[in-house]
C-alpha atoms as a PDB file:
ATOM      1  CA  MET A   1      22.285   0.775 -19.214  1.00  0.00           C
ATOM      2  CA  ASP A   2      18.604   0.981 -18.494  1.00  0.00           C
ATOM      3  CA  HIS A   3      17.043   1.643 -21.866  1.00  0.00           C
ATOM      4  CA  LEU A   4      14.052   3.196 -20.146  1.00  0.00           C
ATOM      5  CA  ARG A   5      16.203   5.963 -18.606  1.00  0.00           C
ATOM      6  CA  PRO A   6      14.798   9.392 -19.533  1.00  0.00           C
ATOM      7  CA  PRO A   7      16.945  11.501 -21.845  1.00  0.00           C
ATOM      8  CA  ASP A   8      19.442  13.765 -20.122  1.00  0.00           C
ATOM      9  CA  SER A   9      20.184  16.970 -21.940  1.00  0.00           C
ATOM     10  CA  ASN A  10      23.552  17.242 -20.138  1.00  0.00           C
ATOM     11  CA  ASN A  11      24.714  13.820 -21.241  1.00  0.00           C
ATOM     12  CA  ASN A  12      26.688  14.113 -24.487  1.00  0.00           C
ATOM     13  CA  ASN A  13      28.242  10.669 -24.414  1.00  0.00           C
ATOM     14  CA  PRO A  14      27.733   9.279 -27.960  1.00  0.00           C
ATOM     15  CA  GLU A  15      28.062   5.726 -26.663  1.00  0.00           C
ATOM     16  CA  ASP A  16      24.943   5.960 -24.504  1.00  0.00           C
ATOM     17  CA  ASP A  17      21.927   4.137 -25.811  1.00  0.00           C
ATOM     18  CA  PRO A  18      19.295   6.525 -27.183  1.00  0.00           C
ATOM     19  CA  PRO A  19      16.008   6.419 -25.324  1.00  0.00           C
ATOM     20  CA  PRO A  20      13.200   4.472 -27.011  1.00  0.00           C
ATOM     21  CA  PRO A  21      10.341   6.446 -28.531  1.00  0.00           C
ATOM     22  CA  TYR A  22       7.276   6.916 -26.431  1.00  0.00           C
ATOM     23  CA  GLU A  23       3.749   7.515 -27.557  1.00  0.00           C
ATOM     24  CA  GLU A  24       2.717  11.114 -27.208  1.00  0.00           C
ATOM     25  CA  VAL A  25      -0.080  12.125 -24.897  1.00  0.00           C
ATOM     26  CA  ALA A  26      -3.594  12.739 -26.181  1.00  0.00           C
ATOM     27  CA  PRO A  27      -4.320  15.893 -28.238  1.00  0.00           C
ATOM     28  CA  PRO A  28      -5.288  19.047 -26.342  1.00  0.00           C
ATOM     29  CA  ASN A  29      -8.980  18.708 -27.253  1.00  0.00           C
ATOM     30  CA  SER A  30      -9.188  15.184 -25.830  1.00  0.00           C
ATOM     31  CA  PRO A  31     -11.127  14.493 -22.602  1.00  0.00           C
ATOM     32  CA  ARG A  32      -9.480  15.836 -19.481  1.00  0.00           C
ATOM     33  CA  PRO A  33      -7.489  13.103 -17.691  1.00  0.00           C
ATOM     34  CA  GLY A  34      -8.950  11.892 -14.450  1.00  0.00           C
ATOM     35  CA  LEU A  35     -10.035   8.612 -12.975  1.00  0.00           C
ATOM     36  CA  ALA A  36     -13.705   8.308 -13.884  1.00  0.00           C
ATOM     37  CA  THR A  37     -14.316   5.643 -11.293  1.00  0.00           C
ATOM     38  CA  GLN A  38     -12.614   7.420  -8.415  1.00  0.00           C
ATOM     39  CA  GLY A  39     -14.576   7.151  -5.204  1.00  0.00           C
ATOM     40  CA  LEU A  40     -16.537   4.047  -6.153  1.00  0.00           C
ATOM     41  CA  PRO A  41     -16.934   1.429  -3.434  1.00  0.00           C
ATOM     42  CA  ARG A  42     -14.564  -1.513  -3.679  1.00  0.00           C
ATOM     43  CA  PRO A  43     -16.618  -4.620  -4.476  1.00  0.00           C
ATOM     44  CA  HIS A  44     -16.604  -7.865  -2.575  1.00  0.00           C
ATOM     45  CA  SER A  45     -15.869 -11.057  -4.435  1.00  0.00           C
ATOM     46  CA  SER A  46     -18.784 -13.428  -4.911  1.00  0.00           C
ATOM     47  CA  HIS A  47     -16.581 -16.513  -4.948  1.00  0.00           C
ATOM     48  CA  ASN A  48     -17.333 -19.355  -2.584  1.00  0.00           C
ATOM     49  CA  PRO A  49     -14.917 -19.213   0.383  1.00  0.00           C
ATOM     50  CA  ASP A  50     -14.783 -23.004   0.310  1.00  0.00           C
ATOM     51  CA  LEU A  51     -12.863 -22.754  -2.936  1.00  0.00           C
ATOM     52  CA  LEU A  52     -10.020 -20.781  -1.455  1.00  0.00           C
ATOM     53  CA  ASN A  53      -6.581 -22.130  -2.152  1.00  0.00           C
ATOM     54  CA  PRO A  54      -5.230 -24.653   0.346  1.00  0.00           C
ATOM     55  CA  SER A  55      -2.948 -23.393   3.043  1.00  0.00           C
ATOM     56  CA  PRO A  56       0.729 -24.315   2.660  1.00  0.00           C
ATOM     57  CA  SER A  57       0.552 -25.982   6.077  1.00  0.00           C
ATOM     58  CA  GLN A  58      -1.879 -28.526   4.672  1.00  0.00           C
ATOM     59  CA  SER A  59       0.654 -29.786   2.176  1.00  0.00           C
ATOM     60  CA  SER A  60       2.450 -33.020   2.971  1.00  0.00           C
ATOM     61  CA  GLY A  61       5.771 -31.534   1.926  1.00  0.00           C
ATOM     62  CA  PRO A  62       7.440 -29.199  -0.561  1.00  0.00           C
ATOM     63  CA  GLN A  63       5.839 -29.405  -3.982  1.00  0.00           C
ATOM     64  CA  LEU A  64       7.359 -28.405  -7.277  1.00  0.00           C
ATOM     65  CA  PRO A  65       5.215 -25.859  -9.110  1.00  0.00           C
ATOM     66  CA  SER A  66       3.068 -27.276 -11.861  1.00  0.00           C
ATOM     67  CA  ARG A  67       2.840 -25.405 -15.132  1.00  0.00           C
ATOM     68  CA  ARG A  68      -0.912 -25.993 -15.392  1.00  0.00           C
ATOM     69  CA  PRO A  69      -2.959 -23.175 -13.828  1.00  0.00           C
ATOM     70  CA  ARG A  70      -5.865 -23.913 -11.571  1.00  0.00           C
ATOM     71  CA  SER A  71      -9.370 -24.013 -12.957  1.00  0.00           C
ATOM     72  CA  SER A  72     -11.117 -20.675 -13.209  1.00  0.00           C
ATOM     73  CA  SER A  73     -13.734 -22.018 -10.788  1.00  0.00           C
ATOM     74  CA  HIS A  74     -11.062 -21.836  -8.076  1.00  0.00           C
ATOM     75  CA  LEU A  75     -10.177 -18.195  -8.602  1.00  0.00           C
ATOM     76  CA  SER A  76     -10.287 -16.672  -5.152  1.00  0.00           C
ATOM     77  CA  PRO A  77     -10.425 -13.107  -3.856  1.00  0.00           C
ATOM     78  CA  TYR A  78      -7.158 -11.564  -2.844  1.00  0.00           C
ATOM     79  CA  PRO A  79      -6.620 -11.623   0.959  1.00  0.00           C
ATOM     80  CA  GLY A  80      -7.509  -7.993   1.560  1.00  0.00           C
ATOM     81  CA  GLN A  81     -10.775  -8.443  -0.270  1.00  0.00           C
ATOM     82  CA  ALA A  82     -11.599 -11.624   1.630  1.00  0.00           C
ATOM     83  CA  ALA A  83     -11.220  -9.703   4.885  1.00  0.00           C
ATOM     84  CA  GLN A  84     -13.601  -7.040   3.624  1.00  0.00           C
ATOM     85  CA  ALA A  85     -16.153  -9.681   2.663  1.00  0.00           C
ATOM     86  CA  GLN A  86     -16.242 -10.946   6.258  1.00  0.00           C
ATOM     87  CA  ARG A  87     -17.244  -7.565   7.651  1.00  0.00           C
ATOM     88  CA  PRO A  88     -20.924  -6.988   8.508  1.00  0.00           C
ATOM     89  CA  ALA A  89     -22.860  -5.641   5.570  1.00  0.00           C
ATOM     90  CA  ARG A  90     -23.822  -2.004   5.790  1.00  0.00           C
ATOM     91  CA  THR A  91     -27.440  -0.941   5.552  1.00  0.00           C
ATOM     92  CA  PRO A  92     -28.067   0.310   1.995  1.00  0.00           C
ATOM     93  CA  GLN A  93     -28.600   4.055   1.838  1.00  0.00           C
ATOM     94  CA  PRO A  94     -31.467   5.440  -0.265  1.00  0.00           C
ATOM     95  CA  ASN A  95     -30.635   7.054  -3.608  1.00  0.00           C
ATOM     96  CA  ARG A  96     -27.074   5.761  -3.512  1.00  0.00           C
ATOM     97  CA  PRO A  97     -25.556   3.226  -5.915  1.00  0.00           C
ATOM     98  CA  SER A  98     -25.256  -0.267  -4.492  1.00  0.00           C
ATOM     99  CA  SER A  99     -23.490  -1.803  -7.493  1.00  0.00           C
ATOM    100  CA  SER A 100     -19.787  -2.511  -7.702  1.00  0.00           C
ATOM    101  CA  TYR A 101     -19.583  -0.545 -10.945  1.00  0.00           C
ATOM    102  CA  PRO A 102     -21.377   2.578 -12.273  1.00  0.00           C
ATOM    103  CA  GLY A 103     -24.880   2.013 -13.467  1.00  0.00           C
ATOM    104  CA  ASN A 104     -27.135   1.104 -10.542  1.00  0.00           C
ATOM    105  CA  THR A 105     -29.314   3.390  -8.494  1.00  0.00           C
ATOM    106  CA  ASN A 106     -31.577   0.955  -6.655  1.00  0.00           C
ATOM    107  CA  VAL A 107     -30.979  -2.780  -6.441  1.00  0.00           C
ATOM    108  CA  GLY A 108     -27.557  -3.623  -7.865  1.00  0.00           C
ATOM    109  CA  PRO A 109     -26.458  -6.838  -9.575  1.00  0.00           C
ATOM    110  CA  PRO A 110     -24.211  -9.317  -7.800  1.00  0.00           C
ATOM    111  CA  PRO A 111     -20.750  -7.845  -7.190  1.00  0.00           C
ATOM    112  CA  ILE A 112     -18.197  -8.580  -9.891  1.00  0.00           C
ATOM    113  CA  PRO A 113     -15.435 -10.883  -8.596  1.00  0.00           C
ATOM    114  CA  ARG A 114     -11.925  -9.444  -8.642  1.00  0.00           C
ATOM    115  CA  GLN A 115      -8.625 -11.286  -8.793  1.00  0.00           C
ATOM    116  CA  PHE A 116      -6.455  -8.216  -8.040  1.00  0.00           C
ATOM    117  CA  PRO A 117      -6.833  -4.983  -6.081  1.00  0.00           C
ATOM    118  CA  PRO A 118      -7.286  -1.789  -8.140  1.00  0.00           C
ATOM    119  CA  ALA A 119      -3.580  -0.993  -7.758  1.00  0.00           C
ATOM    120  CA  PHE A 120      -0.644  -2.895  -6.303  1.00  0.00           C
ATOM    121  CA  ASN A 121       3.143  -2.989  -6.112  1.00  0.00           C
ATOM    122  CA  VAL A 122       5.641  -5.667  -7.101  1.00  0.00           C
ATOM    123  CA  TYR A 123       8.397  -6.203  -4.527  1.00  0.00           C
ATOM    124  CA  LEU A 124      11.769  -7.857  -5.023  1.00  0.00           C
ATOM    125  CA  GLN A 125      13.007 -10.273  -2.354  1.00  0.00           C
ATOM    126  CA  GLY A 126      16.738  -9.601  -2.157  1.00  0.00           C
ATOM    127  CA  PHE A 127      18.661 -12.049  -4.346  1.00  0.00           C
ATOM    128  CA  SER A 128      15.690 -14.398  -4.597  1.00  0.00           C
ATOM    129  CA  ARG A 129      13.977 -14.961  -7.924  1.00  0.00           C
ATOM    130  CA  THR A 130      10.610 -14.682  -6.208  1.00  0.00           C
ATOM    131  CA  MET A 131       8.706 -11.409  -6.387  1.00  0.00           C
ATOM    132  CA  ILE A 132       5.658 -10.455  -4.323  1.00  0.00           C
ATOM    133  CA  LEU A 133       2.503  -8.731  -5.556  1.00  0.00           C
ATOM    134  CA  ALA A 134       0.924  -6.694  -2.756  1.00  0.00           C
ATOM    135  CA  GLU A 135      -0.732  -3.417  -1.873  1.00  0.00           C
ATOM    136  CA  ASN A 136       1.942  -3.117   0.813  1.00  0.00           C
ATOM    137  CA  GLN A 137       4.961  -5.295   1.506  1.00  0.00           C
ATOM    138  CA  ALA A 138       3.682  -6.492   4.885  1.00  0.00           C
ATOM    139  CA  GLN A 139       0.600  -8.136   3.336  1.00  0.00           C
ATOM    140  CA  PRO A 140       1.651 -10.160   0.264  1.00  0.00           C
ATOM    141  CA  ILE A 141      -1.093 -11.335  -2.083  1.00  0.00           C
ATOM    142  CA  TYR A 142       0.634 -13.436  -4.748  1.00  0.00           C
ATOM    143  CA  ALA A 143       4.107 -14.858  -5.308  1.00  0.00           C
ATOM    144  CA  LEU A 144       5.659 -14.577  -8.769  1.00  0.00           C
ATOM    145  CA  ARG A 145       8.626 -16.848  -9.440  1.00  0.00           C
ATOM    146  CA  ALA A 146      11.096 -16.223 -12.267  1.00  0.00           C
ATOM    147  CA  TYR A 147      12.897 -19.137 -13.914  1.00  0.00           C
ATOM    148  CA  SER A 148      15.548 -19.353 -16.606  1.00  0.00           C
ATOM    149  CA  GLY A 149      13.193 -21.295 -18.856  1.00  0.00           C
ATOM    150  CA  PHE A 150      15.976 -23.609 -20.048  1.00  0.00           C
ATOM    151  CA  ALA A 151      14.914 -26.693 -18.054  1.00  0.00           C
ATOM    152  CA  GLY A 152      11.372 -26.906 -19.387  1.00  0.00           C
ATOM    153  CA  ASP A 153       9.973 -24.648 -16.675  1.00  0.00           C
ATOM    154  CA  ALA A 154       7.936 -21.573 -17.481  1.00  0.00           C
ATOM    155  CA  SER A 155       9.863 -18.306 -17.389  1.00  0.00           C
ATOM    156  CA  LEU A 156       7.356 -16.822 -14.915  1.00  0.00           C
ATOM    157  CA  ILE A 157       4.857 -18.596 -12.652  1.00  0.00           C
ATOM    158  CA  LEU A 158       2.185 -16.628 -10.799  1.00  0.00           C
ATOM    159  CA  HIS A 159       1.104 -18.585  -7.725  1.00  0.00           C
ATOM    160  CA  SER A 160      -2.411 -18.362  -6.300  1.00  0.00           C
ATOM    161  CA  GLY A 161      -1.126 -17.281  -2.885  1.00  0.00           C
ATOM    162  CA  PRO A 162       1.774 -15.454  -1.227  1.00  0.00           C
ATOM    163  CA  THR A 163       4.227 -18.395  -1.380  1.00  0.00           C
ATOM    164  CA  GLU A 164       5.596 -20.733  -4.029  1.00  0.00           C
ATOM    165  CA  ARG A 165       3.847 -23.644  -2.310  1.00  0.00           C
ATOM    166  CA  HIS A 166       0.497 -22.323  -3.479  1.00  0.00           C
ATOM    167  CA  PRO A 167      -0.708 -23.808  -6.785  1.00  0.00           C
ATOM    168  CA  PRO A 168       0.059 -21.905  -9.988  1.00  0.00           C
ATOM    169  CA  LEU A 169      -2.566 -19.497 -11.251  1.00  0.00           C
ATOM    170  CA  ALA A 170      -0.917 -18.610 -14.586  1.00  0.00           C
ATOM    171  CA  THR A 171       2.403 -19.097 -16.372  1.00  0.00           C
ATOM    172  CA  LEU A 172       4.396 -17.127 -18.930  1.00  0.00           C
ATOM    173  CA  ASP A 173       7.028 -18.188 -21.456  1.00  0.00           C
ATOM    174  CA  PHE A 174       9.246 -16.084 -23.680  1.00  0.00           C
ATOM    175  CA  ALA A 175       8.947 -17.332 -27.247  1.00  0.00           C
ATOM    176  CA  PRO A 176      12.367 -18.537 -28.498  1.00  0.00           C
ATOM    177  CA  PHE A 177      14.103 -16.435 -31.152  1.00  0.00           C
ATOM    178  CA  SER A 178      11.360 -13.810 -31.147  1.00  0.00           C
ATOM    179  CA  LEU A 179       9.870 -11.009 -29.066  1.00  0.00           C
ATOM    180  CA  GLY A 180       6.625 -12.882 -28.517  1.00  0.00           C
ATOM    181  CA  ILE A 181       5.290 -13.944 -25.118  1.00  0.00           C
ATOM    182  CA  VAL A 182       3.017 -16.922 -24.423  1.00  0.00           C
ATOM    183  CA  VAL A 183       0.696 -16.891 -21.378  1.00  0.00           C
ATOM    184  CA  THR A 184      -1.259 -19.868 -20.015  1.00  0.00           C
ATOM    185  CA  LEU A 185      -4.413 -18.782 -18.173  1.00  0.00           C
ATOM    186  CA  PRO A 186      -6.958 -20.658 -16.063  1.00  0.00           C
ATOM    187  CA  PRO A 187      -9.503 -22.441 -18.273  1.00  0.00           C
ATOM    188  CA  SER A 188     -12.448 -20.359 -19.409  1.00  0.00           C
ATOM    189  CA  PRO A 189     -15.945 -21.315 -18.203  1.00  0.00           C
ATOM    190  CA  VAL A 190     -16.964 -21.139 -21.870  1.00  0.00           C
ATOM    191  CA  PRO A 191     -16.206 -24.382 -23.764  1.00  0.00           C
ATOM    192  CA  GLY A 192     -13.777 -24.120 -26.645  1.00  0.00           C
ATOM    193  CA  VAL A 193     -11.974 -20.993 -25.466  1.00  0.00           C
ATOM    194  CA  PRO A 194      -8.175 -21.499 -25.524  1.00  0.00           C
ATOM    195  CA  SER A 195      -6.203 -21.219 -22.295  1.00  0.00           C
ATOM    196  CA  THR A 196      -2.943 -20.288 -24.050  1.00  0.00           C
ATOM    197  CA  LEU A 197      -2.747 -16.773 -25.479  1.00  0.00           C
ATOM    198  CA  SER A 198       0.107 -14.819 -27.031  1.00  0.00           C
ATOM    199  CA  LEU A 199       1.419 -11.284 -26.714  1.00  0.00           C
ATOM    200  CA  ASP A 200       2.914 -10.334 -30.066  1.00  0.00           C
ATOM    201  CA  PRO A 201       4.960  -7.320 -31.173  1.00  0.00           C
ATOM    202  CA  ILE A 202       3.062  -4.907 -33.386  1.00  0.00           C
ATOM    203  CA  THR A 203       4.759  -4.894 -36.773  1.00  0.00           C
ATOM    204  CA  GLY A 204       5.692  -1.431 -37.918  1.00  0.00           C
ATOM    205  CA  PHE A 205       4.514   0.229 -34.701  1.00  0.00           C
ATOM    206  CA  ALA A 206       6.870   3.161 -34.102  1.00  0.00           C
ATOM    207  CA  HIS A 207       6.627   2.965 -30.317  1.00  0.00           C
ATOM    208  CA  GLY A 208       7.514  -0.697 -29.805  1.00  0.00           C
ATOM    209  CA  GLY A 209       4.053  -1.889 -28.850  1.00  0.00           C
ATOM    210  CA  TYR A 210       2.622  -5.348 -28.201  1.00  0.00           C
ATOM    211  CA  SER A 211      -0.910  -6.664 -28.637  1.00  0.00           C
ATOM    212  CA  PHE A 212      -3.071  -9.555 -27.470  1.00  0.00           C
ATOM    213  CA  THR A 213      -6.647 -10.655 -28.116  1.00  0.00           C
ATOM    214  CA  ILE A 214      -8.828 -12.190 -25.404  1.00  0.00           C
ATOM    215  CA  ASP A 215     -12.468 -12.950 -24.654  1.00  0.00           C
ATOM    216  CA  VAL A 216     -13.929 -10.358 -22.289  1.00  0.00           C
ATOM    217  CA  GLY A 217     -16.852 -10.620 -19.897  1.00  0.00           C
ATOM    218  CA  THR A 218     -17.845 -12.127 -16.560  1.00  0.00           C
ATOM    219  CA  SER A 219     -20.378 -14.690 -15.408  1.00  0.00           C
ATOM    220  CA  VAL A 220     -22.043 -11.865 -13.470  1.00  0.00           C
ATOM    221  CA  SER A 221     -22.268  -9.391 -16.348  1.00  0.00           C
ATOM    222  CA  ARG A 222     -23.360 -12.046 -18.835  1.00  0.00           C
ATOM    223  CA  PRO A 223     -23.641 -15.794 -18.144  1.00  0.00           C
ATOM    224  CA  PRO A 224     -21.604 -17.593 -20.821  1.00  0.00           C
ATOM    225  CA  GLY A 225     -24.469 -19.935 -21.662  1.00  0.00           C
ATOM    226  CA  SER A 226     -26.843 -17.097 -22.493  1.00  0.00           C
ATOM    227  CA  SER A 227     -25.291 -16.176 -25.824  1.00  0.00           C
ATOM    228  CA  GLY A 228     -22.403 -18.548 -26.436  1.00  0.00           C
ATOM    229  CA  ARG A 229     -18.863 -17.223 -26.330  1.00  0.00           C
ATOM    230  CA  TRP A 230     -17.954 -13.833 -24.986  1.00  0.00           C
ATOM    231  CA  PRO A 231     -16.727 -11.291 -27.544  1.00  0.00           C
ATOM    232  CA  LEU A 232     -13.047 -11.072 -28.445  1.00  0.00           C
ATOM    233  CA  GLU A 233     -11.265  -7.741 -28.003  1.00  0.00           C
ATOM    234  CA  GLU A 234      -7.791  -6.512 -28.841  1.00  0.00           C
ATOM    235  CA  PHE A 235      -5.558  -4.743 -26.309  1.00  0.00           C
ATOM    236  CA  GLN A 236      -2.186  -3.083 -26.870  1.00  0.00           C
ATOM    237  CA  TRP A 237       0.696  -2.349 -24.520  1.00  0.00           C
ATOM    238  CA  ARG A 238       2.391   0.935 -25.509  1.00  0.00           C
ATOM    239  CA  ARG A 239       5.252   2.901 -24.015  1.00  0.00           C
ATOM    240  CA  SER A 240       4.029   6.128 -22.508  1.00  0.00           C
ATOM    241  CA  ARG A 241       4.988   9.310 -20.691  1.00  0.00           C
ATOM    242  CA  GLY A 242       1.384  10.431 -20.286  1.00  0.00           C
ATOM    243  CA  ASP A 243      -0.556  11.461 -17.204  1.00  0.00           C
ATOM    244  CA  ALA A 244      -1.889   7.952 -16.579  1.00  0.00           C
ATOM    245  CA  VAL A 245       1.617   6.529 -16.165  1.00  0.00           C
ATOM    246  CA  ALA A 246       2.936   9.583 -14.326  1.00  0.00           C
ATOM    247  CA  SER A 247       0.143   9.214 -11.747  1.00  0.00           C
ATOM    248  CA  LEU A 248       1.809   6.024 -10.482  1.00  0.00           C
ATOM    249  CA  GLY A 249       4.568   8.090  -8.906  1.00  0.00           C
ATOM    250  CA  GLY A 250       7.402   6.125 -10.511  1.00  0.00           C
ATOM    251  CA  ARG A 251       9.909   7.285 -13.074  1.00  0.00           C
ATOM    252  CA  GLY A 252       7.259   9.168 -14.998  1.00  0.00           C
ATOM    253  CA  TYR A 253       7.390   6.846 -17.981  1.00  0.00           C
ATOM    254  CA  GLY A 254       6.415   3.244 -18.481  1.00  0.00           C
ATOM    255  CA  TRP A 255       3.684   1.288 -20.253  1.00  0.00           C
ATOM    256  CA  LYS A 256      -0.054   1.711 -20.754  1.00  0.00           C
ATOM    257  CA  LEU A 257      -2.589  -0.884 -21.900  1.00  0.00           C
ATOM    258  CA  VAL A 258      -5.206   0.469 -24.296  1.00  0.00           C
ATOM    259  CA  ARG A 259      -8.527  -1.094 -25.258  1.00  0.00           C
ATOM    260  CA  MET A 260      -9.018  -0.964 -29.011  1.00  0.00           C
ATOM    261  CA  ALA A 261     -12.786  -1.567 -28.890  1.00  0.00           C
ATOM    262  CA  GLY A 262     -14.824   1.585 -28.543  1.00  0.00           C
ATOM    263  CA  GLY A 263     -18.188   0.240 -27.430  1.00  0.00           C
ATOM    264  CA  PRO A 264     -19.369  -0.754 -23.959  1.00  0.00           C
ATOM    265  CA  PRO A 265     -18.076  -4.051 -22.553  1.00  0.00           C
ATOM    266  CA  PRO A 266     -20.432  -6.979 -21.852  1.00  0.00           C
ATOM    267  CA  GLY A 267     -22.737  -6.199 -18.940  1.00  0.00           C
ATOM    268  CA  ALA A 268     -22.466  -2.420 -19.192  1.00  0.00           C
ATOM    269  CA  ASP A 269     -25.682  -0.424 -19.297  1.00  0.00           C
ATOM    270  CA  GLN A 270     -26.599   3.131 -20.244  1.00  0.00           C
ATOM    271  CA  GLN A 271     -25.265   4.478 -16.973  1.00  0.00           C
ATOM    272  CA  TRP A 272     -21.829   3.206 -18.019  1.00  0.00           C
ATOM    273  CA  ARG A 273     -21.873   5.947 -20.633  1.00  0.00           C
ATOM    274  CA  ARG A 274     -23.176   8.581 -18.216  1.00  0.00           C
ATOM    275  CA  ALA A 275     -20.442   7.724 -15.723  1.00  0.00           C
ATOM    276  CA  GLY A 276     -17.813   8.902 -18.192  1.00  0.00           C
ATOM    277  CA  LEU A 277     -16.349   5.505 -19.021  1.00  0.00           C
ATOM    278  CA  ALA A 278     -17.502   5.773 -22.626  1.00  0.00           C
ATOM    279  CA  ALA A 279     -15.268   8.815 -23.022  1.00  0.00           C
ATOM    280  CA  GLY A 280     -12.492   7.180 -21.049  1.00  0.00           C
ATOM    281  CA  ALA A 281     -10.602   8.622 -18.101  1.00  0.00           C
ATOM    282  CA  HIS A 282      -7.374   8.487 -20.107  1.00  0.00           C
ATOM    283  CA  ARG A 283      -6.881   8.202 -23.844  1.00  0.00           C
ATOM    284  CA  GLY A 284      -4.023   7.407 -26.186  1.00  0.00           C
ATOM    285  CA  SER A 285      -3.099   9.635 -29.113  1.00  0.00           C
ATOM    286  CA  ASP A 286      -5.428   7.591 -31.334  1.00  0.00           C
ATOM    287  CA  GLY A 287      -8.346   7.886 -28.910  1.00  0.00           C
ATOM    288  CA  ALA A 288      -8.071   4.357 -27.468  1.00  0.00           C
ATOM    289  CA  GLU A 289      -9.036   4.098 -23.793  1.00  0.00           C
ATOM    290  CA  VAL A 290      -6.271   3.339 -21.278  1.00  0.00           C
ATOM    291  CA  VAL A 291      -7.371   0.438 -19.056  1.00  0.00           C
ATOM    292  CA  ALA A 292      -4.133  -0.348 -17.166  1.00  0.00           C
ATOM    293  CA  VAL A 293      -0.696   1.155 -16.582  1.00  0.00           C
ATOM    294  CA  TRP A 294       2.581   0.166 -14.960  1.00  0.00           C
ATOM    295  CA  SER A 295       5.860   1.900 -14.265  1.00  0.00           C
ATOM    296  CA  GLU A 296       9.133   0.981 -12.596  1.00  0.00           C
ATOM    297  CA  MET A 297       9.856   2.783  -9.347  1.00  0.00           C
ATOM    298  CA  GLY A 298      13.542   3.294 -10.007  1.00  0.00           C
ATOM    299  CA  TYR A 299      14.634   4.679  -6.624  1.00  0.00           C
ATOM    300  CA  SER A 300      13.526   1.828  -4.368  1.00  0.00           C
ATOM    301  CA  MET A 301      15.684  -1.172  -3.503  1.00  0.00           C
ATOM    302  CA  SER A 302      12.684  -3.446  -2.976  1.00  0.00           C
ATOM    303  CA  LYS A 303       9.721  -1.953  -4.863  1.00  0.00           C
ATOM    304  CA  ALA A 304      10.251  -2.874  -8.506  1.00  0.00           C
ATOM    305  CA  LEU A 305       7.130  -1.426 -10.101  1.00  0.00           C
ATOM    306  CA  ARG A 306       3.575  -0.251  -9.556  1.00  0.00           C
ATOM    307  CA  PHE A 307       0.552  -1.464 -11.532  1.00  0.00           C
ATOM    308  CA  ALA A 308      -2.949   0.024 -11.675  1.00  0.00           C
ATOM    309  CA  PHE A 309      -6.220  -0.698 -13.457  1.00  0.00           C
ATOM    310  CA  LEU A 310      -8.020   2.309 -14.933  1.00  0.00           C
ATOM    311  CA  GLY A 311     -11.366   3.122 -16.519  1.00  0.00           C
ATOM    312  CA  THR A 312     -13.157   0.095 -17.905  1.00  0.00           C
ATOM    313  CA  GLY A 313     -10.332  -2.100 -16.633  1.00  0.00           C
ATOM    314  CA  LEU A 314     -11.117  -0.965 -13.098  1.00  0.00           C
ATOM    315  CA  THR A 315     -14.802  -1.879 -13.300  1.00  0.00           C
ATOM    316  CA  GLY A 316     -14.107  -5.612 -13.565  1.00  0.00           C
ATOM    317  CA  LEU A 317     -16.433  -5.891 -16.575  1.00  0.00           C
ATOM    318  CA  LEU A 318     -13.627  -7.220 -18.771  1.00  0.00           C
ATOM    319  CA  GLY A 319     -13.335 -10.335 -16.612  1.00  0.00           C
ATOM    320  CA  GLU A 320     -10.832 -12.074 -14.363  1.00  0.00           C
ATOM    321  CA  ARG A 321      -9.030 -13.835 -17.193  1.00  0.00           C
ATOM    322  CA  TRP A 322      -8.452 -10.466 -18.820  1.00  0.00           C
ATOM    323  CA  ALA A 323      -7.093  -9.071 -15.543  1.00  0.00           C
ATOM    324  CA  ILE A 324      -4.686 -12.009 -15.185  1.00  0.00           C
ATOM    325  CA  MET A 325      -3.571 -11.572 -18.798  1.00  0.00           C
ATOM    326  CA  ALA A 326      -2.985  -7.852 -18.260  1.00  0.00           C
ATOM    327  CA  VAL A 327      -0.885  -8.472 -15.148  1.00  0.00           C
ATOM    328  CA  MET A 328       1.080 -11.399 -16.616  1.00  0.00           C
ATOM    329  CA  THR A 329       1.954  -9.570 -19.832  1.00  0.00           C
ATOM    330  CA  ALA A 330       3.020  -6.514 -17.832  1.00  0.00           C
ATOM    331  CA  MET A 331       5.279  -8.722 -15.710  1.00  0.00           C
ATOM    332  CA  GLY A 332       6.638 -10.361 -18.859  1.00  0.00           C
ATOM    333  CA  LEU A 333       7.609  -7.000 -20.345  1.00  0.00           C
ATOM    334  CA  PHE A 334       9.190  -5.957 -17.052  1.00  0.00           C
ATOM    335  CA  GLU A 335      11.138  -9.215 -16.681  1.00  0.00           C
ATOM    336  CA  ARG A 336      12.411  -9.059 -20.257  1.00  0.00           C
ATOM    337  CA  GLU A 337      13.672  -5.515 -19.742  1.00  0.00           C
ATOM    338  CA  ARG A 338      15.256  -6.449 -16.417  1.00  0.00           C
ATOM    339  CA  ARG A 339      17.095  -9.411 -17.944  1.00  0.00           C
ATOM    340  CA  SER A 340      18.271  -7.222 -20.812  1.00  0.00           C
ATOM    341  CA  ARG A 341      19.776  -4.742 -18.348  1.00  0.00           C
ATOM    342  CA  GLN A 342      21.497  -7.550 -16.456  1.00  0.00           C
ATOM    343  CA  ARG A 343      23.089  -8.899 -19.648  1.00  0.00           C
ATOM    344  CA  ARG A 344      24.439  -5.461 -20.563  1.00  0.00           C
ATOM    345  CA  ARG A 345      25.789  -5.038 -17.046  1.00  0.00           C
ATOM    346  CA  PHE A 346      27.907  -8.172 -17.357  1.00  0.00           C
END
């Protein structure tokens, strides 16, 4: 039985699994929920088009996926963003922000590169183990392949294009005999930063949460050579029935990713505070800002879940490696729950 199924007051079967606890929504005096960055222009990636991933047709034949992700210098914009970047630039309007994030009124900084759209769906492909990440099913962005993990392969491989023939972008492994998850990311542009990070269960956390720590920042917001390494921040995945998750239009419950740091991210200026991001569009019960959410759809045969970046996570200021880590850990939690349901079914 799906352990995420909402409680049914009419179901008195004592053999049914009790629903897991969910974190309560923010107190009544907390900031009113609402996407602080709603209406902002979608930025164009500043990546070099020459670094786009090779087309599958250029391959000499089928290639087995490698477990090593591509270098971060090859991170490319998702296809929909690449199409936007090819459109003629509009004439800047006076007294209107030209930046890709809040905080510019005249000449904006270079646009922050994005690896994912602000929100996307994950689609199942029949009986295939390959899932598709896309804003709509007709225009796939990335392929995500699930493996058993018993033959030395990663449990999940995110490819840098819509097919498995595209090189891997990141991999995920379920830690044996534990609830931990290990994610391998593209190398950081900052020397000495590890590419392998872990998502660990929070000991004693009543709501079954998980946490990871990662360096945050972008080469646009702060060049890595200007002050050494980017700062490390902690993020936590928590179960939730709050407004942020409900806004996805799924089952009404799912997971939210909260940012434990309270200050501005690297590259943010004073206008970041005025734009409302300092208060946070959505908050957890402890006041932590919600920066991403995901929820299973439940009533669709092909659409498995919906994912969205929120607040500071939507600005891109936390960096592309953070975005990949957020998506991969969300997919790891989803895949673990899906496999658990399949085992109970058989």
